[in-house]
């Protein structure tokens, strides 16, 4: 980026998260920890199993398939940051880092955007029935 503002924008996006729970009391937050952890764990397990099976059918490695599937759980910008960190940690030189990033980033970002978009529409379609 010419303005070198990407890092600033990432921090700004992450800064929005605490505002979403500002009205919750400490008791409410503590009471939500157990169900939240169970939901996240079960979601991760079932997404991983399903993604591993589908990735073999589609010709991807199980590991990449699971990473693509789990992108629905952490969304953007976390998926972008994770791809950057994985490519940095698993590469021996800048060329290899670029190759790894070019291989995983588009798949994971697109999967995250598509799953969030589709699931939002499906969930909204279900919830709208309860509003009448």
Protein backbone atom coordinates (compact mmCIF):
# COMPACT_ATOMS: atom_id res chain seq x y z
CA UNK A 1 0.00 0.00 0.00
CA UNK A 2 1.29 3.44 -0.88
CA UNK A 3 0.04 5.07 2.32
CA UNK A 4 1.27 2.23 4.57
CA UNK A 5 -2.05 2.36 6.41
CA UNK A 6 -2.88 -1.36 6.41
CA UNK A 7 -1.51 -1.98 9.92
CA UNK A 8 -3.36 1.03 11.30
CA UNK A 9 -6.62 -0.14 9.75
CA UNK A 10 -6.15 -3.65 11.20
CA UNK A 11 -5.69 -2.18 14.68
CA UNK A 12 -8.76 0.03 14.18
CA UNK A 13 -10.86 -3.00 13.16
CA UNK A 14 -9.71 -4.96 16.21
CA UNK A 15 -10.47 -1.94 18.40
CA UNK A 16 -14.16 -2.20 17.53
CA UNK A 17 -14.54 -5.57 19.26
CA UNK A 18 -14.62 -4.45 22.93
CA UNK A 19 -17.39 -1.94 22.18
CA UNK A 20 -19.68 -4.78 21.22
CA UNK A 21 -19.85 -6.12 24.79
CA UNK A 22 -19.73 -2.84 26.74
CA UNK A 23 -23.23 -3.28 28.18
CA UNK A 24 -22.59 -6.80 29.50
CA UNK A 25 -22.03 -7.14 33.23
CA UNK A 26 -19.13 -9.25 34.54
CA UNK A 27 -21.64 -11.91 35.67
CA UNK A 28 -23.09 -12.15 32.16
CA UNK A 29 -19.63 -12.46 30.61
CA UNK A 30 -18.53 -15.14 33.11
CA UNK A 31 -21.80 -17.03 32.62
CA UNK A 32 -21.22 -17.11 28.87
CA UNK A 33 -17.70 -18.56 29.03
CA UNK A 34 -18.73 -22.23 29.45
CA UNK A 35 -21.37 -22.35 26.70
CA UNK A 36 -19.13 -20.29 24.42
CA UNK A 37 -16.15 -22.62 24.84
CA UNK A 38 -18.31 -25.71 24.29
CA UNK A 39 -19.85 -24.18 21.16
CA UNK A 40 -16.46 -23.19 19.77
CA UNK A 41 -14.97 -26.61 20.49
CA UNK A 42 -17.86 -28.55 18.93
CA UNK A 43 -17.92 -26.19 15.95
CA UNK A 44 -14.18 -26.58 15.38
CA UNK A 45 -14.38 -30.38 15.66
CA UNK A 46 -17.27 -30.76 13.20
CA UNK A 47 -15.89 -28.19 10.75
CA UNK A 48 -12.51 -29.95 10.83
CA UNK A 49 -14.02 -33.38 10.19
CA UNK A 50 -16.27 -32.17 7.38
CA UNK A 51 -13.49 -30.05 5.82
CA UNK A 52 -11.00 -32.94 5.89
CA UNK A 53 -13.47 -35.18 4.03
CA UNK A 54 -14.42 -32.54 1.45
CA UNK A 55 -10.79 -31.51 0.88
CA UNK A 56 -9.87 -35.05 -0.16
CA UNK A 57 -12.81 -35.12 -2.59
CA UNK A 58 -11.76 -31.74 -4.07
CA UNK A 59 -8.08 -32.64 -4.29
CA UNK A 60 -6.65 -30.45 -1.51
CA UNK A 61 -4.56 -31.62 1.41
CA UNK A 62 -6.49 -32.31 4.62
CA UNK A 63 -4.51 -29.60 6.41
CA UNK A 64 -5.37 -26.93 3.85
CA UNK A 65 -8.99 -28.09 3.79
CA UNK A 66 -9.26 -27.77 7.56
CA UNK A 67 -7.66 -24.31 7.46
CA UNK A 68 -10.12 -23.25 4.76
CA UNK A 69 -13.06 -24.64 6.75
CA UNK A 70 -12.01 -23.02 10.00
CA UNK A 71 -11.75 -19.62 8.32
CA UNK A 72 -15.50 -19.34 8.89
CA UNK A 73 -14.83 -19.22 12.64
CA UNK A 74 -12.25 -16.47 12.78
CA UNK A 75 -13.13 -14.22 9.85
CA UNK A 76 -11.35 -11.18 8.50
CA UNK A 77 -8.89 -9.63 9.45
CA UNK A 78 -7.81 -12.58 11.61
CA UNK A 79 -7.67 -14.91 8.60
CA UNK A 80 -5.35 -12.48 6.81
CA UNK A 81 -3.07 -12.15 9.84
CA UNK A 82 -2.94 -15.94 10.32
CA UNK A 83 -2.01 -16.49 6.67
CA UNK A 84 0.78 -13.92 7.00
CA UNK A 85 2.12 -15.57 10.16
CA UNK A 86 1.93 -19.11 8.76
CA UNK A 87 3.76 -18.13 5.59
CA UNK A 88 6.42 -16.35 7.66
CA UNK A 89 6.88 -19.23 10.11
CA UNK A 90 6.93 -22.08 7.58
CA UNK A 91 9.17 -20.51 4.92
CA UNK A 92 12.94 -20.51 4.65
CA UNK A 93 13.32 -17.47 2.35
CA UNK A 94 11.27 -14.55 0.99
CA UNK A 95 10.46 -16.34 -2.29
CA UNK A 96 9.07 -19.36 -0.46
CA UNK A 97 7.09 -17.06 1.86
CA UNK A 98 5.51 -15.37 -1.14
CA UNK A 99 4.71 -18.72 -2.76
CA UNK A 100 3.10 -20.07 0.43
CA UNK A 101 1.11 -16.87 0.96
CA UNK A 102 -0.03 -16.79 -2.69
CA UNK A 103 -1.19 -20.41 -2.33
CA UNK A 104 -3.16 -20.17 0.92
CA UNK A 105 -4.34 -16.55 1.20
CA UNK A 106 -6.87 -16.41 -1.66
CA UNK A 107 -8.44 -19.73 -0.70
CA UNK A 108 -8.81 -18.86 2.96
CA UNK A 109 -10.03 -15.28 2.43
CA UNK A 110 -12.59 -16.27 -0.19
CA UNK A 111 -13.81 -19.17 1.95
CA UNK A 112 -14.25 -16.84 4.92
CA UNK A 113 -16.16 -14.24 2.92
CA UNK A 114 -18.37 -16.82 1.22
CA UNK A 115 -19.25 -18.73 4.40
CA UNK A 116 -20.04 -15.58 6.34
CA UNK A 117 -22.16 -14.20 3.49
CA UNK A 118 -24.10 -17.42 2.92
CA UNK A 119 -24.58 -18.19 6.61
CA UNK A 120 -25.82 -14.63 7.27
CA UNK A 121 -28.52 -15.02 4.64
CA UNK A 122 -29.56 -18.47 5.91
CA UNK A 123 -29.67 -17.36 9.55
CA UNK A 124 -31.60 -14.19 8.64
CA UNK A 125 -34.07 -16.35 6.69
CA UNK A 126 -34.63 -18.54 9.74
CA UNK A 127 -34.90 -15.67 12.21
CA UNK A 128 -37.34 -13.68 10.08
CA UNK A 129 -39.88 -16.50 10.55
CA UNK A 130 -39.83 -15.89 14.31
CA UNK A 131 -40.56 -12.16 13.91
CA UNK A 132 -44.08 -12.65 12.55
